Amino acid sequence: TLATTSEIKTLLSGVTVNSGAASSQFDTENYEKVRFFGETTASVGTDIILMGAATDGGQAYVLGENLRSETIGGVHYIYGPVVENLPRYIKILNKSGSTNYVFTKLFMQLSGGRVAV
């Protein structure tokens, strides 16, 4: 089956990702690209990195991309680059070493389409 051209899904909602911990994973089957956006309760700098795994619950590896944030009017907006050629599962890792981040909302805009195997 092929994915729709573009679909927005909630990855995190009211979730705290503790220092040194990873979020739950998300299945990206049938999609080629993803973009992240949302809000956090604090500026994340470059503390949040994207991880990917080939199998459900498998060893995750750094995808080489960080989420970033911009503070506008006291709101911390988080965003990330478009990541292409996705692994089957993705999650985020808080590498801050000291800060627990609360994600008010973190969305993924998934697009493209590939045949499920």
PDB file of N, CA and C in Angstrom:
ATOM      1  N   THR A   1       0.845  -1.187   0.000  1.00  0.00           N
ATOM      2  CA  THR A   1       0.000   0.000   0.000  1.00  0.00           C
ATOM      3  C   THR A   1       0.884   1.241   0.000  1.00  0.00           C
ATOM      4  N   LEU A   2       0.333   2.334  -0.478  1.00  0.00           N
ATOM      5  CA  LEU A   2       1.077   3.591  -0.502  1.00  0.00           C
ATOM      6  C   LEU A   2       0.502   4.565   0.515  1.00  0.00           C
ATOM      7  N   ALA A   3       1.384   5.378   1.074  1.00  0.00           N
ATOM      8  CA  ALA A   3       0.956   6.392   2.028  1.00  0.00           C
ATOM      9  C   ALA A   3       0.263   7.529   1.293  1.00  0.00           C
ATOM     10  N   THR A   4      -0.500   8.310   2.036  1.00  0.00           N
ATOM     11  CA  THR A   4      -1.087   9.508   1.460  1.00  0.00           C
ATOM     12  C   THR A   4       0.038  10.493   1.173  1.00  0.00           C
ATOM     13  N   THR A   5      -0.245  11.533   0.409  1.00  0.00           N
ATOM     14  CA  THR A   5       0.771  12.517   0.058  1.00  0.00           C
ATOM     15  C   THR A   5       1.338  13.181   1.301  1.00  0.00           C
ATOM     16  N   SER A   6       0.488  13.550   2.242  1.00  0.00           N
ATOM     17  CA  SER A   6       0.952  14.188   3.471  1.00  0.00           C
ATOM     18  C   SER A   6      -0.043  13.908   4.590  1.00  0.00           C
ATOM     19  N   GLU A   7       0.478  13.562   5.753  1.00  0.00           N
ATOM     20  CA  GLU A   7      -0.375  13.245   6.897  1.00  0.00           C
ATOM     21  C   GLU A   7       0.307  13.754   8.163  1.00  0.00           C
ATOM     22  N   ILE A   8      -0.462  14.371   9.049  1.00  0.00           N
ATOM     23  CA  ILE A   8       0.086  14.861  10.309  1.00  0.00           C
ATOM     24  C   ILE A   8      -0.376  13.950  11.430  1.00  0.00           C
ATOM     25  N   LYS A   9       0.585  13.466  12.223  1.00  0.00           N
ATOM     26  CA  LYS A   9       0.272  12.588  13.346  1.00  0.00           C
ATOM     27  C   LYS A   9       0.929  13.148  14.606  1.00  0.00           C
ATOM     28  N   THR A  10       0.292  12.908  15.752  1.00  0.00           N
ATOM     29  CA  THR A  10       0.853  13.326  17.026  1.00  0.00           C
ATOM     30  C   THR A  10       1.856  12.284  17.485  1.00  0.00           C
ATOM     31  N   LEU A  11       3.085  12.732  17.733  1.00  0.00           N
ATOM     32  CA  LEU A  11       4.114  11.839  18.274  1.00  0.00           C
ATOM     33  C   LEU A  11       4.069  11.889  19.794  1.00  0.00           C
ATOM     34  N   LEU A  12       4.036  13.082  20.372  1.00  0.00           N
ATOM     35  CA  LEU A  12       3.975  13.255  21.822  1.00  0.00           C
ATOM     36  C   LEU A  12       2.943  14.323  22.166  1.00  0.00           C
ATOM     37  N   SER A  13       2.258  14.143  23.288  1.00  0.00           N
ATOM     38  CA  SER A  13       1.288  15.126  23.749  1.00  0.00           C
ATOM     39  C   SER A  13       1.292  15.132  25.271  1.00  0.00           C
ATOM     40  N   GLY A  14       1.800  16.208  25.872  1.00  0.00           N
ATOM     41  CA  GLY A  14       1.880  16.291  27.327  1.00  0.00           C
ATOM     42  C   GLY A  14       2.823  15.262  27.916  1.00  0.00           C
ATOM     43  N   VAL A  15       3.896  14.958  27.192  1.00  0.00           N
ATOM     44  CA  VAL A  15       4.835  13.912  27.605  1.00  0.00           C
ATOM     45  C   VAL A  15       6.162  14.528  28.024  1.00  0.00           C
ATOM     46  N   THR A  16       6.699  14.047  29.151  1.00  0.00           N
ATOM     47  CA  THR A  16       8.030  14.461  29.597  1.00  0.00           C
ATOM     48  C   THR A  16       9.045  13.432  29.115  1.00  0.00           C
ATOM     49  N   VAL A  17      10.113  13.930  28.485  1.00  0.00           N
ATOM     50  CA  VAL A  17      11.223  13.061  28.106  1.00  0.00           C
ATOM     51  C   VAL A  17      12.378  13.451  29.018  1.00  0.00           C
ATOM     52  N   ASN A  18      12.681  12.565  29.960  1.00  0.00           N
ATOM     53  CA  ASN A  18      13.702  12.845  30.965  1.00  0.00           C
ATOM     54  C   ASN A  18      15.101  12.874  30.373  1.00  0.00           C
ATOM     55  N   SER A  19      15.993  13.540  31.085  1.00  0.00           N
ATOM     56  CA  SER A  19      17.388  13.618  30.686  1.00  0.00           C
ATOM     57  C   SER A  19      17.960  12.220  30.501  1.00  0.00           C
ATOM     58  N   GLY A  20      18.590  11.978  29.358  1.00  0.00           N
ATOM     59  CA  GLY A  20      19.194  10.682  29.070  1.00  0.00           C
ATOM     60  C   GLY A  20      18.215   9.610  28.630  1.00  0.00           C
ATOM     61  N   ALA A  21      16.943   9.962  28.489  1.00  0.00           N
ATOM     62  CA  ALA A  21      15.917   8.976  28.119  1.00  0.00           C
ATOM     63  C   ALA A  21      15.406   9.239  26.700  1.00  0.00           C
ATOM     64  N   ALA A  22      14.739   8.239  26.149  1.00  0.00           N
ATOM     65  CA  ALA A  22      14.144   8.349  24.823  1.00  0.00           C
ATOM     66  C   ALA A  22      12.627   8.283  24.932  1.00  0.00           C
ATOM     67  N   SER A  23      11.966   8.853  23.948  1.00  0.00           N
ATOM     68  CA  SER A  23      10.504   8.787  23.879  1.00  0.00           C
ATOM     69  C   SER A  23      10.087   7.397  23.411  1.00  0.00           C
ATOM     70  N   SER A  24       8.786   7.174  23.392  1.00  0.00           N
ATOM     71  CA  SER A  24       8.282   5.957  22.772  1.00  0.00           C
ATOM     72  C   SER A  24       8.583   6.042  21.276  1.00  0.00           C
ATOM     73  N   GLN A  25       8.559   4.916  20.605  1.00  0.00           N
ATOM     74  CA  GLN A  25       8.876   4.914  19.184  1.00  0.00           C
ATOM     75  C   GLN A  25       7.615   5.071  18.349  1.00  0.00           C
ATOM     76  N   PHE A  26       7.817   5.456  17.105  1.00  0.00           N
ATOM     77  CA  PHE A  26       6.701   5.624  16.181  1.00  0.00           C
ATOM     78  C   PHE A  26       7.011   4.872  14.901  1.00  0.00           C
ATOM     79  N   ASP A  27       6.038   4.147  14.397  1.00  0.00           N
ATOM     80  CA  ASP A  27       6.194   3.363  13.181  1.00  0.00           C
ATOM     81  C   ASP A  27       5.998   4.261  11.959  1.00  0.00           C
ATOM     82  N   THR A  28       6.965   4.284  11.070  1.00  0.00           N
ATOM     83  CA  THR A  28       6.893   5.125   9.877  1.00  0.00           C
ATOM     84  C   THR A  28       6.604   4.320   8.609  1.00  0.00           C
ATOM     85  N   GLU A  29       6.111   3.098   8.760  1.00  0.00           N
ATOM     86  CA  GLU A  29       5.869   2.255   7.587  1.00  0.00           C
ATOM     87  C   GLU A  29       5.046   3.000   6.544  1.00  0.00           C
ATOM     88  N   ASN A  30       5.436   2.857   5.292  1.00  0.00           N
ATOM     89  CA  ASN A  30       4.782   3.445   4.119  1.00  0.00           C
ATOM     90  C   ASN A  30       5.096   4.916   3.891  1.00  0.00           C
ATOM     91  N   TYR A  31       5.979   5.510   4.673  1.00  0.00           N
ATOM     92  CA  TYR A  31       6.335   6.915   4.469  1.00  0.00           C
ATOM     93  C   TYR A  31       7.808   7.047   4.108  1.00  0.00           C
ATOM     94  N   GLU A  32       8.117   8.098   3.351  1.00  0.00           N
ATOM     95  CA  GLU A  32       9.496   8.362   2.949  1.00  0.00           C
ATOM     96  C   GLU A  32      10.137   9.497   3.730  1.00  0.00           C
ATOM     97  N   LYS A  33       9.349  10.507   4.091  1.00  0.00           N
ATOM     98  CA  LYS A  33       9.898  11.718   4.709  1.00  0.00           C
ATOM     99  C   LYS A  33       9.080  12.110   5.932  1.00  0.00           C
ATOM    100  N   VAL A  34       9.755  12.817   6.851  1.00  0.00           N
ATOM    101  CA  VAL A  34       9.063  13.323   8.033  1.00  0.00           C
ATOM    102  C   VAL A  34       9.632  14.692   8.401  1.00  0.00           C
ATOM    103  N   ARG A  35       8.756  15.542   8.920  1.00  0.00           N
ATOM    104  CA  ARG A  35       9.137  16.849   9.468  1.00  0.00           C
ATOM    105  C   ARG A  35       8.486  16.948  10.839  1.00  0.00           C
ATOM    106  N   PHE A  36       9.197  17.499  11.812  1.00  0.00           N
ATOM    107  CA  PHE A  36       8.709  17.616  13.185  1.00  0.00           C
ATOM    108  C   PHE A  36       8.393  19.073  13.506  1.00  0.00           C
ATOM    109  N   PHE A  37       7.327  19.286  14.288  1.00  0.00           N
ATOM    110  CA  PHE A  37       7.016  20.622  14.789  1.00  0.00           C
ATOM    111  C   PHE A  37       6.104  20.507  15.995  1.00  0.00           C
ATOM    112  N   GLY A  38       6.117  21.517  16.860  1.00  0.00           N
ATOM    113  CA  GLY A  38       5.268  21.496  18.044  1.00  0.00           C
ATOM    114  C   GLY A  38       5.709  22.526  19.067  1.00  0.00           C
ATOM    115  N   GLU A  39       5.441  22.228  20.344  1.00  0.00           N
ATOM    116  CA  GLU A  39       5.772  23.141  21.439  1.00  0.00           C
ATOM    117  C   GLU A  39       6.340  22.369  22.619  1.00  0.00           C
ATOM    118  N   THR A  40       7.249  23.017  23.343  1.00  0.00           N
ATOM    119  CA  THR A  40       7.781  22.478  24.591  1.00  0.00           C
ATOM    120  C   THR A  40       7.653  23.539  25.673  1.00  0.00           C
ATOM    121  N   THR A  41       7.888  23.137  26.903  1.00  0.00           N
ATOM    122  CA  THR A  41       7.792  24.089  28.016  1.00  0.00           C
ATOM    123  C   THR A  41       9.106  24.829  28.253  1.00  0.00           C
ATOM    124  N   ALA A  42      10.180  24.457  27.544  1.00  0.00           N
ATOM    125  CA  ALA A  42      11.479  25.120  27.691  1.00  0.00           C
ATOM    126  C   ALA A  42      12.232  25.031  26.368  1.00  0.00           C
ATOM    127  N   SER A  43      13.149  25.959  26.148  1.00  0.00           N
ATOM    128  CA  SER A  43      13.984  25.933  24.960  1.00  0.00           C
ATOM    129  C   SER A  43      14.867  24.693  24.983  1.00  0.00           C
ATOM    130  N   VAL A  44      14.936  23.962  23.881  1.00  0.00           N
ATOM    131  CA  VAL A  44      15.682  22.699  23.855  1.00  0.00           C
ATOM    132  C   VAL A  44      17.098  22.824  23.299  1.00  0.00           C
ATOM    133  N   GLY A  45      17.448  23.985  22.749  1.00  0.00           N
ATOM    134  CA  GLY A  45      18.776  24.102  22.151  1.00  0.00           C
ATOM    135  C   GLY A  45      18.962  23.008  21.124  1.00  0.00           C
ATOM    136  N   THR A  46      20.012  22.197  21.289  1.00  0.00           N
ATOM    137  CA  THR A  46      20.227  21.035  20.413  1.00  0.00           C
ATOM    138  C   THR A  46      20.248  19.755  21.241  1.00  0.00           C
ATOM    139  N   ASP A  47      19.514  19.754  22.365  1.00  0.00           N
ATOM    140  CA  ASP A  47      19.494  18.605  23.276  1.00  0.00           C
ATOM    141  C   ASP A  47      18.654  17.429  22.791  1.00  0.00           C
ATOM    142  N   ILE A  48      17.776  17.636  21.814  1.00  0.00           N
ATOM    143  CA  ILE A  48      16.874  16.583  21.367  1.00  0.00           C
ATOM    144  C   ILE A  48      17.344  16.059  20.013  1.00  0.00           C
ATOM    145  N   ILE A  49      17.703  14.778  19.970  1.00  0.00           N
ATOM    146  CA  ILE A  49      18.190  14.192  18.724  1.00  0.00           C
ATOM    147  C   ILE A  49      17.242  13.096  18.243  1.00  0.00           C
ATOM    148  N   LEU A  50      17.247  12.876  16.943  1.00  0.00           N
ATOM    149  CA  LEU A  50      16.393  11.858  16.334  1.00  0.00           C
ATOM    150  C   LEU A  50      17.135  10.532  16.264  1.00  0.00           C
ATOM    151  N   MET A  51      16.410   9.469  16.618  1.00  0.00           N
ATOM    152  CA  MET A  51      16.964   8.117  16.605  1.00  0.00           C
ATOM    153  C   MET A  51      16.104   7.264  15.681  1.00  0.00           C
ATOM    154  N   GLY A  52      16.705   6.233  15.096  1.00  0.00           N
ATOM    155  CA  GLY A  52      15.965   5.342  14.226  1.00  0.00           C
ATOM    156  C   GLY A  52      16.352   3.898  14.453  1.00  0.00           C
ATOM    157  N   ALA A  53      15.394   3.000  14.260  1.00  0.00           N
ATOM    158  CA  ALA A  53      15.631   1.555  14.406  1.00  0.00           C
ATOM    159  C   ALA A  53      14.962   0.823  13.245  1.00  0.00           C
ATOM    160  N   ALA A  54      15.561  -0.272  12.845  1.00  0.00           N
ATOM    161  CA  ALA A  54      15.022  -1.058  11.737  1.00  0.00           C
ATOM    162  C   ALA A  54      13.916  -2.002  12.179  1.00  0.00           C
ATOM    163  N   THR A  55      13.916  -2.388  13.458  1.00  0.00           N
ATOM    164  CA  THR A  55      12.931  -3.346  13.944  1.00  0.00           C
ATOM    165  C   THR A  55      12.193  -2.799  15.165  1.00  0.00           C
ATOM    166  N   ASP A  56      11.025  -3.322  15.428  1.00  0.00           N
ATOM    167  CA  ASP A  56      10.210  -2.921  16.571  1.00  0.00           C
ATOM    168  C   ASP A  56      10.975  -3.209  17.869  1.00  0.00           C
ATOM    169  N   GLY A  57      11.293  -2.170  18.626  1.00  0.00           N
ATOM    170  CA  GLY A  57      12.026  -2.323  19.873  1.00  0.00           C
ATOM    171  C   GLY A  57      13.505  -2.610  19.670  1.00  0.00           C
ATOM    172  N   GLY A  58      13.977  -2.512  18.434  1.00  0.00           N
ATOM    173  CA  GLY A  58      15.374  -2.801  18.130  1.00  0.00           C
ATOM    174  C   GLY A  58      16.319  -1.692  18.558  1.00  0.00           C
ATOM    175  N   GLN A  59      17.605  -1.950  18.412  1.00  0.00           N
ATOM    176  CA  GLN A  59      18.634  -0.967  18.737  1.00  0.00           C
ATOM    177  C   GLN A  59      18.439   0.270  17.869  1.00  0.00           C
ATOM    178  N   ALA A  60      18.335   1.429  18.506  1.00  0.00           N
ATOM    179  CA  ALA A  60      18.149   2.684  17.775  1.00  0.00           C
ATOM    180  C   ALA A  60      19.487   3.381  17.597  1.00  0.00           C
ATOM    181  N   TYR A  61      19.632   4.064  16.467  1.00  0.00           N
ATOM    182  CA  TYR A  61      20.859   4.774  16.135  1.00  0.00           C
ATOM    183  C   TYR A  61      20.550   6.227  15.827  1.00  0.00           C
ATOM    184  N   VAL A  62      21.524   7.083  16.046  1.00  0.00           N
ATOM    185  CA  VAL A  62      21.376   8.510  15.777  1.00  0.00           C
ATOM    186  C   VAL A  62      21.214   8.724  14.281  1.00  0.00           C
ATOM    187  N   LEU A  63      20.220   9.522  13.901  1.00  0.00           N
ATOM    188  CA  LEU A  63      19.977   9.818  12.491  1.00  0.00           C
ATOM    189  C   LEU A  63      20.765  11.033  12.014  1.00  0.00           C
ATOM    190  N   GLY A  64      21.479  11.684  12.911  1.00  0.00           N
ATOM    191  CA  GLY A  64      22.295  12.835  12.518  1.00  0.00           C
ATOM    192  C   GLY A  64      21.532  14.139  12.433  1.00  0.00           C
ATOM    193  N   GLU A  65      20.353  14.188  13.018  1.00  0.00           N
ATOM    194  CA  GLU A  65      19.526  15.403  13.001  1.00  0.00           C
ATOM    195  C   GLU A  65      19.063  15.745  14.415  1.00  0.00           C
ATOM    196  N   ASN A  66      19.034  17.029  14.725  1.00  0.00           N
ATOM    197  CA  ASN A  66      18.542  17.515  16.018  1.00  0.00           C
ATOM    198  C   ASN A  66      17.257  18.296  15.817  1.00  0.00           C
ATOM    199  N   LEU A  67      16.392  18.273  16.825  1.00  0.00           N
ATOM    200  CA  LEU A  67      15.259  19.191  16.852  1.00  0.00           C
ATOM    201  C   LEU A  67      15.750  20.468  17.510  1.00  0.00           C
ATOM    202  N   ARG A  68      15.186  21.588  17.130  1.00  0.00           N
ATOM    203  CA  ARG A  68      15.578  22.880  17.683  1.00  0.00           C
ATOM    204  C   ARG A  68      14.328  23.614  18.139  1.00  0.00           C
ATOM    205  N   SER A  69      14.542  24.738  18.844  1.00  0.00           N
ATOM    206  CA  SER A  69      13.385  25.520  19.260  1.00  0.00           C
ATOM    207  C   SER A  69      13.650  27.004  19.089  1.00  0.00           C
ATOM    208  N   GLU A  70      12.571  27.723  18.918  1.00  0.00           N
ATOM    209  CA  GLU A  70      12.566  29.185  18.854  1.00  0.00           C
ATOM    210  C   GLU A  70      11.549  29.661  19.871  1.00  0.00           C
ATOM    211  N   THR A  71      11.904  30.669  20.648  1.00  0.00           N
ATOM    212  CA  THR A  71      10.979  31.221  21.632  1.00  0.00           C
ATOM    213  C   THR A  71      10.403  32.514  21.088  1.00  0.00           C
ATOM    214  N   ILE A  72       9.087  32.546  20.953  1.00  0.00           N
ATOM    215  CA  ILE A  72       8.384  33.713  20.424  1.00  0.00           C
ATOM    216  C   ILE A  72       7.250  34.032  21.380  1.00  0.00           C
ATOM    217  N   GLY A  73       7.296  35.214  21.967  1.00  0.00           N
ATOM    218  CA  GLY A  73       6.249  35.623  22.898  1.00  0.00           C
ATOM    219  C   GLY A  73       6.107  34.682  24.079  1.00  0.00           C
ATOM    220  N   GLY A  74       7.217  34.107  24.540  1.00  0.00           N
ATOM    221  CA  GLY A  74       7.204  33.212  25.687  1.00  0.00           C
ATOM    222  C   GLY A  74       6.829  31.772  25.378  1.00  0.00           C
ATOM    223  N   VAL A  75       6.516  31.478  24.111  1.00  0.00           N
ATOM    224  CA  VAL A  75       6.175  30.118  23.709  1.00  0.00           C
ATOM    225  C   VAL A  75       7.399  29.487  23.048  1.00  0.00           C
ATOM    226  N   HIS A  76       7.731  28.260  23.436  1.00  0.00           N
ATOM    227  CA  HIS A  76       8.884  27.545  22.883  1.00  0.00           C
ATOM    228  C   HIS A  76       8.401  26.618  21.771  1.00  0.00           C
ATOM    229  N   TYR A  77       8.585  27.056  20.536  1.00  0.00           N
ATOM    230  CA  TYR A  77       8.192  26.266  19.373  1.00  0.00           C
ATOM    231  C   TYR A  77       9.347  25.361  18.977  1.00  0.00           C
ATOM    232  N   ILE A  78       9.056  24.096  18.749  1.00  0.00           N
ATOM    233  CA  ILE A  78      10.088  23.143  18.369  1.00  0.00           C
ATOM    234  C   ILE A  78       9.881  22.751  16.907  1.00  0.00           C
ATOM    235  N   TYR A  79      10.988  22.533  16.214  1.00  0.00           N
ATOM    236  CA  TYR A  79      10.911  22.162  14.802  1.00  0.00           C
ATOM    237  C   TYR A  79      12.138  21.339  14.434  1.00  0.00           C
ATOM    238  N   GLY A  80      12.055  20.698  13.308  1.00  0.00           N
ATOM    239  CA  GLY A  80      13.178  19.902  12.840  1.00  0.00           C
ATOM    240  C   GLY A  80      13.240  19.892  11.331  1.00  0.00           C
ATOM    241  N   PRO A  81      14.335  19.383  10.805  1.00  0.00           N
ATOM    242  CA  PRO A  81      14.501  19.312   9.352  1.00  0.00           C
ATOM    243  C   PRO A  81      13.630  18.207   8.764  1.00  0.00           C
ATOM    244  N   VAL A  82      13.514  18.209   7.465  1.00  0.00           N
ATOM    245  CA  VAL A  82      12.871  17.091   6.783  1.00  0.00           C
ATOM    246  C   VAL A  82      13.875  15.952   6.773  1.00  0.00           C
ATOM    247  N   VAL A  83      13.465  14.809   7.271  1.00  0.00           N
ATOM    248  CA  VAL A  83      14.318  13.629   7.292  1.00  0.00           C
ATOM    249  C   VAL A  83      13.792  12.673   6.229  1.00  0.00           C
ATOM    250  N   GLU A  84      14.661  12.274   5.314  1.00  0.00           N
ATOM    251  CA  GLU A  84      14.264  11.390   4.221  1.00  0.00           C
ATOM    252  C   GLU A  84      14.821   9.986   4.421  1.00  0.00           C
ATOM    253  N   ASN A  85      14.310   9.048   3.636  1.00  0.00           N
ATOM    254  CA  ASN A  85      14.763   7.660   3.687  1.00  0.00           C
ATOM    255  C   ASN A  85      14.714   7.129   5.119  1.00  0.00           C
ATOM    256  N   LEU A  86      13.530   7.205   5.693  1.00  0.00           N
ATOM    257  CA  LEU A  86      13.324   6.878   7.105  1.00  0.00           C
ATOM    258  C   LEU A  86      13.584   5.416   7.435  1.00  0.00           C
ATOM    259  N   PRO A  87      14.127   5.174   8.630  1.00  0.00           N
ATOM    260  CA  PRO A  87      14.112   3.800   9.136  1.00  0.00           C
ATOM    261  C   PRO A  87      12.671   3.477   9.522  1.00  0.00           C
ATOM    262  N   ARG A  88      12.371   2.233   9.770  1.00  0.00           N
ATOM    263  CA  ARG A  88      10.993   1.823  10.061  1.00  0.00           C
ATOM    264  C   ARG A  88      10.457   2.474  11.335  1.00  0.00           C
ATOM    265  N   TYR A  89      11.283   2.626  12.369  1.00  0.00           N
ATOM    266  CA  TYR A  89      10.847   3.192  13.647  1.00  0.00           C
ATOM    267  C   TYR A  89      11.725   4.382  14.020  1.00  0.00           C
ATOM    268  N   ILE A  90      11.090   5.427  14.558  1.00  0.00           N
ATOM    269  CA  ILE A  90      11.844   6.589  15.015  1.00  0.00           C
ATOM    270  C   ILE A  90      11.390   6.975  16.414  1.00  0.00           C
ATOM    271  N   LYS A  91      12.275   7.664  17.132  1.00  0.00           N
ATOM    272  CA  LYS A  91      11.964   8.227  18.443  1.00  0.00           C
ATOM    273  C   LYS A  91      12.941   9.359  18.693  1.00  0.00           C
ATOM    274  N   ILE A  92      12.713  10.098  19.762  1.00  0.00           N
ATOM    275  CA  ILE A  92      13.620  11.185  20.094  1.00  0.00           C
ATOM    276  C   ILE A  92      14.340  10.866  21.394  1.00  0.00           C
ATOM    277  N   LEU A  93      15.554  11.401  21.525  1.00  0.00           N
ATOM    278  CA  LEU A  93      16.388  11.177  22.705  1.00  0.00           C
ATOM    279  C   LEU A  93      16.763  12.518  23.308  1.00  0.00           C
ATOM    280  N   ASN A  94      16.615  12.629  24.610  1.00  0.00           N
ATOM    281  CA  ASN A  94      17.013  13.835  25.344  1.00  0.00           C
ATOM    282  C   ASN A  94      18.442  13.627  25.823  1.00  0.00           C
ATOM    283  N   LYS A  95      19.400  14.304  25.200  1.00  0.00           N
ATOM    284  CA  LYS A  95      20.812  14.135  25.547  1.00  0.00           C
ATOM    285  C   LYS A  95      21.317  15.268  26.443  1.00  0.00           C
ATOM    286  N   SER A  96      20.425  16.006  27.084  1.00  0.00           N
ATOM    287  CA  SER A  96      20.820  17.200  27.829  1.00  0.00           C
ATOM    288  C   SER A  96      21.742  16.917  29.005  1.00  0.00           C
ATOM    289  N   GLY A  97      21.549  15.804  29.686  1.00  0.00           N
ATOM    290  CA  GLY A  97      22.369  15.523  30.860  1.00  0.00           C
ATOM    291  C   GLY A  97      21.811  16.110  32.144  1.00  0.00           C
ATOM    292  N   SER A  98      20.822  17.025  32.040  1.00  0.00           N
ATOM    293  CA  SER A  98      20.299  17.616  33.270  1.00  0.00           C
ATOM    294  C   SER A  98      18.860  18.127  33.187  1.00  0.00           C
ATOM    295  N   THR A  99      18.307  18.283  31.992  1.00  0.00           N
ATOM    296  CA  THR A  99      16.985  18.892  31.849  1.00  0.00           C
ATOM    297  C   THR A  99      15.952  17.876  31.378  1.00  0.00           C
ATOM    298  N   ASN A 100      14.811  17.841  32.045  1.00  0.00           N
ATOM    299  CA  ASN A 100      13.673  17.038  31.609  1.00  0.00           C
ATOM    300  C   ASN A 100      12.765  17.951  30.786  1.00  0.00           C
ATOM    301  N   TYR A 101      12.507  17.590  29.539  1.00  0.00           N
ATOM    302  CA  TYR A 101      11.688  18.429  28.662  1.00  0.00           C
ATOM    303  C   TYR A 101      10.264  17.901  28.587  1.00  0.00           C
ATOM    304  N   VAL A 102       9.311  18.823  28.701  1.00  0.00           N
ATOM    305  CA  VAL A 102       7.900  18.479  28.554  1.00  0.00           C
ATOM    306  C   VAL A 102       7.459  18.940  27.168  1.00  0.00           C
ATOM    307  N   PHE A 103       6.986  17.987  26.376  1.00  0.00           N
ATOM    308  CA  PHE A 103       6.490  18.295  25.044  1.00  0.00           C
ATOM    309  C   PHE A 103       4.988  18.495  25.139  1.00  0.00           C
ATOM    310  N   THR A 104       4.553  19.759  25.051  1.00  0.00           N
ATOM    311  CA  THR A 104       3.136  20.074  25.066  1.00  0.00           C
ATOM    312  C   THR A 104       2.470  19.338  23.912  1.00  0.00           C
ATOM    313  N   LYS A 105       3.046  19.473  22.737  1.00  0.00           N
ATOM    314  CA  LYS A 105       2.638  18.742  21.538  1.00  0.00           C
ATOM    315  C   LYS A 105       3.858  18.595  20.650  1.00  0.00           C
ATOM    316  N   LEU A 106       4.036  17.435  20.075  1.00  0.00           N
ATOM    317  CA  LEU A 106       5.054  17.238  19.053  1.00  0.00           C
ATOM    318  C   LEU A 106       4.389  16.449  17.930  1.00  0.00           C
ATOM    319  N   PHE A 107       4.320  17.084  16.764  1.00  0.00           N
ATOM    320  CA  PHE A 107       3.683  16.483  15.606  1.00  0.00           C
ATOM    321  C   PHE A 107       4.728  16.030  14.592  1.00  0.00           C
ATOM    322  N   MET A 108       4.337  15.070  13.773  1.00  0.00           N
ATOM    323  CA  MET A 108       5.147  14.647  12.641  1.00  0.00           C
ATOM    324  C   MET A 108       4.296  14.822  11.378  1.00  0.00           C
ATOM    325  N   GLN A 109       4.876  15.483  10.410  1.00  0.00           N
ATOM    326  CA  GLN A 109       4.231  15.557   9.110  1.00  0.00           C
ATOM    327  C   GLN A 109       4.934  14.531   8.227  1.00  0.00           C
ATOM    328  N   LEU A 110       4.245  13.448   7.931  1.00  0.00           N
ATOM    329  CA  LEU A 110       4.786  12.351   7.149  1.00  0.00           C
ATOM    330  C   LEU A 110       4.327  12.490   5.712  1.00  0.00           C
ATOM    331  N   SER A 111       5.222  12.203   4.782  1.00  0.00           N
ATOM    332  CA  SER A 111       4.835  12.341   3.382  1.00  0.00           C
ATOM    333  C   SER A 111       5.595  11.345   2.522  1.00  0.00           C
ATOM    334  N   GLY A 112       5.273  11.384   1.255  1.00  0.00           N
ATOM    335  CA  GLY A 112       5.841  10.447   0.306  1.00  0.00           C
ATOM    336  C   GLY A 112       5.057   9.162   0.350  1.00  0.00           C
ATOM    337  N   GLY A 113       5.565   8.170  -0.278  1.00  0.00           N
ATOM    338  CA  GLY A 113       4.897   6.878  -0.253  1.00  0.00           C
ATOM    339  C   GLY A 113       5.831   5.813  -0.751  1.00  0.00           C
ATOM    340  N   ARG A 114       5.786   4.674  -0.114  1.00  0.00           N
ATOM    341  CA  ARG A 114       6.585   3.544  -0.563  1.00  0.00           C
ATOM    342  C   ARG A 114       5.776   2.276  -0.347  1.00  0.00           C
ATOM    343  N   VAL A 115       6.096   1.266  -1.035  1.00  0.00           N
ATOM    344  CA  VAL A 115       5.369   0.008  -0.929  1.00  0.00           C
ATOM    345  C   VAL A 115       5.792  -0.687   0.352  1.00  0.00           C
ATOM    346  N   ALA A 116       4.835  -1.149   1.136  1.00  0.00           N
ATOM    347  CA  ALA A 116       5.126  -1.894   2.359  1.00  0.00           C
ATOM    348  C   ALA A 116       5.638  -3.278   1.965  1.00  0.00           C
ATOM    349  N   VAL A 117       6.682  -3.712   2.636  1.00  0.00           N
ATOM    350  CA  VAL A 117       7.227  -5.046   2.355  1.00  0.00           C
ATOM    351  C   VAL A 117       7.148  -5.927   3.578  1.00  0.00           C
TER     352      VAL A 117
END
